[in-house]
Amino acid sequence: MSLVKTTLASINQMQADGIIGKYAIGGAVGATFYLEPAATLDLDVFVTLPSESGGPLISLASVYDYLTARGGRVQDECIVIGEWPVQFLTPTDELEREALEDAVATNVEGVPTWVMPAEHLVAIALRVGRRKDHSRILQFLEQDAVEVKNLETLLERHRLTSKWRDFQRRYLKDTE
């Protein structure tokens, strides 16, 4: 079984066993579902936890306990599943919660999985604003991998319009 298949099957099993609720792949790996693959070190998986209390502190201990009992090993902020470092993240704001809720079903090497919608990946990258995030946004636009009208509606809803205008002025000079 391939590295990707093993990792995704393990995540699906975690969901079936009730360790995690809904999940969606985000970050650079999430972007590869829409763009040409790029080098990345880890897999970002956004999850809901069945026992989330809504309080300020959320523990991923049950995720780590489950995976280490099945051969996973902790490496920095990740847990290695099938030789692939996976970072489990809970949504930190309404944009990430919406991205998780609106996740798109897909299939990877015969394994069903969920990925964040393209517009949400771009909005999150815009909000984070690192150089590599801006490069990824440009890739989405250059490869027509995002519906710009839907993106702009999303950005307005999450109060990211001014960041979008700044990005356009800086990188898309002919949009004015």
Protein backbone atom coordinates (compact mmCIF):
# COMPACT_ATOMS: atom_id res chain seq x y z
CA MET A 1 0.00 0.00 0.00
CA SER A 2 1.38 3.42 -0.91
CA LEU A 3 2.34 6.06 1.64
CA VAL A 4 -0.65 8.25 0.77
CA LYS A 5 -3.10 5.36 0.76
CA THR A 6 -1.86 4.08 4.13
CA THR A 7 -2.09 7.51 5.74
CA LEU A 8 -5.55 8.32 4.40
CA ALA A 9 -6.87 4.87 5.30
CA SER A 10 -5.62 5.41 8.88
CA ILE A 11 -7.36 8.79 9.07
CA ASN A 12 -10.60 7.26 7.75
CA GLN A 13 -10.32 4.49 10.35
CA MET A 14 -9.91 7.12 13.08
CA GLN A 15 -13.13 8.70 11.90
CA ALA A 16 -14.94 5.33 11.76
CA ASP A 17 -13.73 4.58 15.31
CA GLY A 18 -15.08 7.92 16.56
CA ILE A 19 -11.70 9.43 17.45
CA ILE A 20 -12.25 12.34 15.06
CA GLY A 21 -15.39 13.75 13.51
CA LYS A 22 -15.41 15.40 10.13
CA TYR A 23 -12.00 16.09 8.60
CA ALA A 24 -10.54 17.87 5.59
CA ILE A 25 -7.08 18.11 4.12
CA GLY A 26 -5.79 21.67 3.96
CA GLY A 27 -2.50 23.45 3.41
CA ALA A 28 -0.08 22.61 0.61
CA VAL A 29 -1.33 19.04 0.22
CA GLY A 30 -4.91 20.28 0.01
CA ALA A 31 -3.82 22.64 -2.76
CA THR A 32 -2.38 19.73 -4.77
CA PHE A 33 -5.91 18.46 -5.35
CA TYR A 34 -6.41 21.57 -7.50
CA LEU A 35 -2.86 22.47 -8.61
CA GLU A 36 0.33 20.86 -9.80
CA PRO A 37 1.93 18.99 -6.89
CA ALA A 38 4.41 20.93 -4.78
CA ALA A 39 6.98 19.74 -2.28
CA THR A 40 5.69 19.68 1.25
CA LEU A 41 6.91 18.13 4.44
CA ASP A 42 3.66 17.29 6.17
CA LEU A 43 -0.04 16.73 5.74
CA ASP A 44 -2.35 19.26 7.44
CA VAL A 45 -5.61 17.63 8.50
CA PHE A 46 -8.28 19.84 10.01
CA VAL A 47 -10.61 17.88 12.30
CA THR A 48 -13.54 18.20 14.58
CA LEU A 49 -13.28 16.22 17.76
CA PRO A 50 -16.36 14.37 19.00
CA SER A 51 -15.78 15.59 22.56
CA GLU A 52 -15.14 19.26 21.76
CA SER A 53 -16.61 21.26 24.60
CA GLY A 54 -16.43 24.60 22.87
CA GLY A 55 -14.04 25.82 25.56
CA PRO A 56 -10.78 27.62 24.86
CA LEU A 57 -8.59 24.52 25.31
CA ILE A 58 -8.92 21.60 22.92
CA SER A 59 -6.83 18.51 23.45
CA LEU A 60 -5.62 16.25 20.67
CA ALA A 61 -4.45 13.68 23.24
CA SER A 62 -7.03 11.11 22.11
CA VAL A 63 -5.76 11.41 18.52
CA TYR A 64 -2.13 10.94 19.57
CA ASP A 65 -2.98 8.10 21.98
CA TYR A 66 -4.97 6.30 19.28
CA LEU A 67 -2.24 6.62 16.67
CA THR A 68 0.74 5.82 18.89
CA ALA A 69 -1.06 2.66 20.04
CA ARG A 70 -1.15 1.69 16.34
CA GLY A 71 2.49 2.38 15.53
CA GLY A 72 2.42 6.13 14.92
CA ARG A 73 5.28 8.15 16.34
CA VAL A 74 5.40 11.75 17.46
CA GLN A 75 7.74 14.01 15.49
CA ASP A 76 7.75 17.69 16.46
CA GLU A 77 4.15 18.97 16.09
CA CYS A 78 3.20 16.01 13.89
CA ILE A 79 2.49 12.34 14.28
CA VAL A 80 3.98 10.09 11.63
CA ILE A 81 1.47 7.75 10.02
CA GLY A 82 2.85 5.37 7.42
CA GLU A 83 6.07 7.42 7.24
CA TRP A 84 4.19 10.66 6.48
CA PRO A 85 4.14 13.41 9.15
CA VAL A 86 0.56 14.50 9.78
CA GLN A 87 -0.38 17.61 11.69
CA PHE A 88 -3.89 17.46 13.15
CA LEU A 89 -5.44 20.89 13.58
CA THR A 90 -8.76 22.05 14.93
CA PRO A 91 -10.36 25.03 13.19
CA THR A 92 -9.36 28.27 14.89
CA ASP A 93 -11.90 30.62 13.33
CA GLU A 94 -15.09 30.77 11.30
CA LEU A 95 -13.22 30.59 7.96
CA GLU A 96 -11.53 27.31 8.90
CA ARG A 97 -14.78 25.91 10.37
CA GLU A 98 -16.59 26.75 7.13
CA ALA A 99 -13.77 25.20 5.05
CA LEU A 100 -14.08 22.00 7.07
CA GLU A 101 -17.87 21.97 6.87
CA ASP A 102 -17.84 22.56 3.08
CA ALA A 103 -15.09 19.99 2.40
CA VAL A 104 -15.20 18.30 -0.98
CA ALA A 105 -15.34 14.50 -1.23
CA THR A 106 -12.65 13.00 -3.43
CA ASN A 107 -10.87 9.71 -3.94
CA VAL A 108 -7.12 9.09 -3.71
CA GLU A 109 -5.82 5.74 -4.89
CA GLY A 110 -9.17 4.18 -4.10
CA VAL A 111 -9.42 5.75 -0.64
CA PRO A 112 -12.25 8.23 -0.06
CA THR A 113 -11.09 11.45 1.55
CA TRP A 114 -12.10 15.08 2.09
CA VAL A 115 -10.31 18.23 0.96
CA MET A 116 -11.02 21.88 1.66
CA PRO A 117 -12.63 23.77 -1.23
CA ALA A 118 -10.22 25.71 -3.45
CA GLU A 119 -11.69 29.11 -2.53
CA HIS A 120 -11.25 28.37 1.17
CA LEU A 121 -7.65 27.27 0.66
CA VAL A 122 -6.97 30.58 -1.10
CA ALA A 123 -8.76 32.61 1.60
CA ILE A 124 -6.78 30.88 4.36
CA ALA A 125 -3.52 31.42 2.46
CA LEU A 126 -4.42 35.10 2.01
CA ARG A 127 -5.19 35.44 5.73
CA VAL A 128 -1.90 33.78 6.73
CA GLY A 129 0.00 35.89 4.20
CA ARG A 130 3.45 34.30 4.03
CA ARG A 131 5.48 34.49 0.82
CA LYS A 132 4.76 30.82 0.07
CA ASP A 133 1.04 31.46 0.64
CA HIS A 134 1.08 34.30 -1.89
CA SER A 135 2.86 32.04 -4.38
CA ARG A 136 0.18 29.40 -3.89
CA ILE A 137 -2.60 31.97 -4.43
CA LEU A 138 -0.95 33.00 -7.69
CA GLN A 139 -0.86 29.34 -8.75
CA PHE A 140 -4.58 28.97 -8.07
CA LEU A 141 -5.30 32.06 -10.18
CA GLU A 142 -2.89 31.23 -13.01
CA GLN A 143 -4.23 27.69 -13.30
CA ASP A 144 -7.89 28.82 -13.15
CA ALA A 145 -8.32 26.49 -10.16
CA VAL A 146 -10.53 28.90 -8.24
CA GLU A 147 -13.82 30.59 -9.08
CA VAL A 148 -12.89 34.26 -8.53
CA LYS A 149 -16.48 35.50 -7.98
CA ASN A 150 -17.03 32.81 -5.32
CA LEU A 151 -13.66 33.65 -3.79
CA GLU A 152 -14.51 37.35 -3.56
CA THR A 153 -17.86 36.56 -1.91
CA LEU A 154 -16.06 34.33 0.60
CA LEU A 155 -13.41 36.99 1.27
CA GLU A 156 -16.09 39.60 1.86
CA ARG A 157 -17.97 37.32 4.25
CA HIS A 158 -14.80 36.76 6.29
CA ARG A 159 -13.65 40.38 6.18
CA LEU A 160 -10.58 39.73 4.02
CA THR A 161 -11.46 42.13 1.22
CA SER A 162 -8.77 44.68 2.10
CA LYS A 163 -6.10 41.95 2.18
CA TRP A 164 -7.36 40.80 -1.23
CA ARG A 165 -7.09 44.34 -2.64
CA ASP A 166 -3.55 44.62 -1.24
CA PHE A 167 -2.66 41.26 -2.81
CA GLN A 168 -4.13 42.35 -6.15
CA ARG A 169 -2.20 45.65 -6.09
CA ARG A 170 1.03 43.86 -5.27
CA TYR A 171 0.78 40.81 -7.52
CA LEU A 172 -1.97 41.44 -10.08
CA LYS A 173 -1.22 44.96 -11.23
CA ASP A 174 -3.48 44.75 -14.30
CA THR A 175 -6.66 44.09 -12.26
CA GLU A 176 -7.37 47.76 -11.53
